[in-house]
Amino acid sequence: MTNQEIGAKIRARRKLLELSQFDLAERARATLRGLTDLENGKSNPTINPLAKIVKVLGLEFRLEESSSSCVKPTSNARAFWQGA
């Protein structure tokens, strides 16, 4: 997911909840500038601030394996992830 896609999802959810950027920034303890840049796809947020914003919006984010992964796991990694 690109920064622009993340920003669009956050903006859409914020508007659905009828929150202003100021209100969301205040509730998530983020800066208004940071939130504006995030919504406009102009920032590369770290996980902690993004997690706070997502929580306030009642959303979640997660890591999933991509079918287009360019890195193949080693045999040890496969064993680890399979619970061996």
C-alpha atoms as a PDB file:
ATOM      1  CA  MET A   1       0.000   0.000   0.000  1.00  0.00           C
ATOM      2  CA  THR A   2       1.379   3.397  -0.938  1.00  0.00           C
ATOM      3  CA  ASN A   3       1.529   6.471   1.288  1.00  0.00           C
ATOM      4  CA  GLN A   4      -1.163   8.042  -0.918  1.00  0.00           C
ATOM      5  CA  GLU A   5      -3.473   5.047  -0.403  1.00  0.00           C
ATOM      6  CA  ILE A   6      -2.928   5.096   3.359  1.00  0.00           C
ATOM      7  CA  GLY A   7      -3.652   8.823   3.453  1.00  0.00           C
ATOM      8  CA  ALA A   8      -6.816   8.422   1.383  1.00  0.00           C
ATOM      9  CA  LYS A   9      -8.111   5.676   3.692  1.00  0.00           C
ATOM     10  CA  ILE A  10      -7.405   7.763   6.788  1.00  0.00           C
ATOM     11  CA  ARG A  11      -9.082  10.829   5.266  1.00  0.00           C
ATOM     12  CA  ALA A  12     -12.144   8.842   4.172  1.00  0.00           C
ATOM     13  CA  ARG A  13     -12.566   7.254   7.604  1.00  0.00           C
ATOM     14  CA  ARG A  14     -12.059  10.594   9.378  1.00  0.00           C
ATOM     15  CA  LYS A  15     -14.728  12.206   7.231  1.00  0.00           C
ATOM     16  CA  LEU A  16     -17.091   9.258   7.739  1.00  0.00           C
ATOM     17  CA  LEU A  17     -16.740   9.778  11.489  1.00  0.00           C
ATOM     18  CA  GLU A  18     -17.241  13.525  10.981  1.00  0.00           C
ATOM     19  CA  LEU A  19     -13.961  14.414  12.660  1.00  0.00           C
ATOM     20  CA  SER A  20     -11.957  17.464  11.715  1.00  0.00           C
ATOM     21  CA  GLN A  21      -8.249  17.080  11.147  1.00  0.00           C
ATOM     22  CA  PHE A  22      -7.705  19.116  14.291  1.00  0.00           C
ATOM     23  CA  ASP A  23      -9.930  16.799  16.365  1.00  0.00           C
ATOM     24  CA  LEU A  24      -8.259  13.642  15.063  1.00  0.00           C
ATOM     25  CA  ALA A  25      -4.783  15.055  15.636  1.00  0.00           C
ATOM     26  CA  GLU A  26      -5.722  16.039  19.171  1.00  0.00           C
ATOM     27  CA  ARG A  27      -7.263  12.643  20.012  1.00  0.00           C
ATOM     28  CA  ALA A  28      -4.320  10.737  18.524  1.00  0.00           C
ATOM     29  CA  ARG A  29      -1.786  13.117  20.099  1.00  0.00           C
ATOM     30  CA  ALA A  30      -0.356  13.824  16.667  1.00  0.00           C
ATOM     31  CA  THR A  31       0.578  17.138  15.115  1.00  0.00           C
ATOM     32  CA  LEU A  32      -1.899  18.732  12.751  1.00  0.00           C
ATOM     33  CA  ARG A  33       0.899  19.174  10.206  1.00  0.00           C
ATOM     34  CA  GLY A  34       1.833  15.492  10.463  1.00  0.00           C
ATOM     35  CA  LEU A  35      -1.772  14.397   9.971  1.00  0.00           C
ATOM     36  CA  THR A  36      -2.241  16.745   7.015  1.00  0.00           C
ATOM     37  CA  ASP A  37       0.927  15.431   5.385  1.00  0.00           C
ATOM     38  CA  LEU A  38      -0.184  11.853   6.055  1.00  0.00           C
ATOM     39  CA  GLU A  39      -3.603  12.394   4.480  1.00  0.00           C
ATOM     40  CA  ASN A  40      -1.958  14.009   1.451  1.00  0.00           C
ATOM     41  CA  GLY A  41       0.477  11.112   1.029  1.00  0.00           C
ATOM     42  CA  LYS A  42       3.431  13.405   1.678  1.00  0.00           C
ATOM     43  CA  SER A  43       4.818  11.667   4.736  1.00  0.00           C
ATOM     44  CA  ASN A  44       6.300   8.338   5.608  1.00  0.00           C
ATOM     45  CA  PRO A  45       4.912   7.816   9.117  1.00  0.00           C
ATOM     46  CA  THR A  46       6.484   5.587  11.704  1.00  0.00           C
ATOM     47  CA  ILE A  47       4.409   2.821  13.231  1.00  0.00           C
ATOM     48  CA  ASN A  48       3.678   4.417  16.630  1.00  0.00           C
ATOM     49  CA  PRO A  49       2.031   7.630  15.374  1.00  0.00           C
ATOM     50  CA  LEU A  50       0.195   5.719  12.661  1.00  0.00           C
ATOM     51  CA  ALA A  51      -1.051   3.170  15.214  1.00  0.00           C
ATOM     52  CA  LYS A  52      -2.462   5.969  17.391  1.00  0.00           C
ATOM     53  CA  ILE A  53      -4.320   7.543  14.465  1.00  0.00           C
ATOM     54  CA  VAL A  54      -5.640   4.189  13.281  1.00  0.00           C
ATOM     55  CA  LYS A  55      -6.852   3.316  16.788  1.00  0.00           C
ATOM     56  CA  VAL A  56      -8.763   6.584  17.146  1.00  0.00           C
ATOM     57  CA  LEU A  57     -10.429   5.885  13.781  1.00  0.00           C
ATOM     58  CA  GLY A  58     -11.428   2.372  14.844  1.00  0.00           C
ATOM     59  CA  LEU A  59      -9.236   0.800  12.169  1.00  0.00           C
ATOM     60  CA  GLU A  60      -6.371  -1.666  12.307  1.00  0.00           C
ATOM     61  CA  PHE A  61      -3.340  -2.340  10.202  1.00  0.00           C
ATOM     62  CA  ARG A  62      -1.557  -5.619   9.721  1.00  0.00           C
ATOM     63  CA  LEU A  63       1.307  -7.172   7.842  1.00  0.00           C
ATOM     64  CA  GLU A  64       0.488  -9.806   5.280  1.00  0.00           C
ATOM     65  CA  GLU A  65       2.617 -11.828   2.929  1.00  0.00           C
ATOM     66  CA  SER A  66       2.667 -10.504  -0.582  1.00  0.00           C
ATOM     67  CA  SER A  67       2.278 -12.856  -3.498  1.00  0.00           C
ATOM     68  CA  SER A  68       4.924 -10.786  -5.264  1.00  0.00           C
ATOM     69  CA  SER A  69       7.566 -11.126  -2.558  1.00  0.00           C
ATOM     70  CA  CYS A  70      11.036 -10.919  -4.031  1.00  0.00           C
ATOM     71  CA  VAL A  71      12.715 -12.533  -1.017  1.00  0.00           C
ATOM     72  CA  LYS A  72      12.315 -16.256  -0.517  1.00  0.00           C
ATOM     73  CA  PRO A  73      12.514 -17.524   3.069  1.00  0.00           C
ATOM     74  CA  THR A  74      15.363 -19.828   3.985  1.00  0.00           C
ATOM     75  CA  SER A  75      14.594 -23.338   5.166  1.00  0.00           C
ATOM     76  CA  ASN A  76      15.178 -22.180   8.774  1.00  0.00           C
ATOM     77  CA  ALA A  77      12.736 -19.300   8.332  1.00  0.00           C
ATOM     78  CA  ARG A  78      10.106 -21.639   6.894  1.00  0.00           C
ATOM     79  CA  ALA A  79      10.487 -23.925   9.899  1.00  0.00           C
ATOM     80  CA  PHE A  80      10.169 -20.984  12.283  1.00  0.00           C
ATOM     81  CA  TRP A  81       7.024 -19.590  10.675  1.00  0.00           C
ATOM     82  CA  GLN A  82       5.442 -23.032  10.457  1.00  0.00           C
ATOM     83  CA  GLY A  83       5.860 -23.360  14.202  1.00  0.00           C
ATOM     84  CA  ALA A  84       8.701 -25.905  14.151  1.00  0.00           C
END
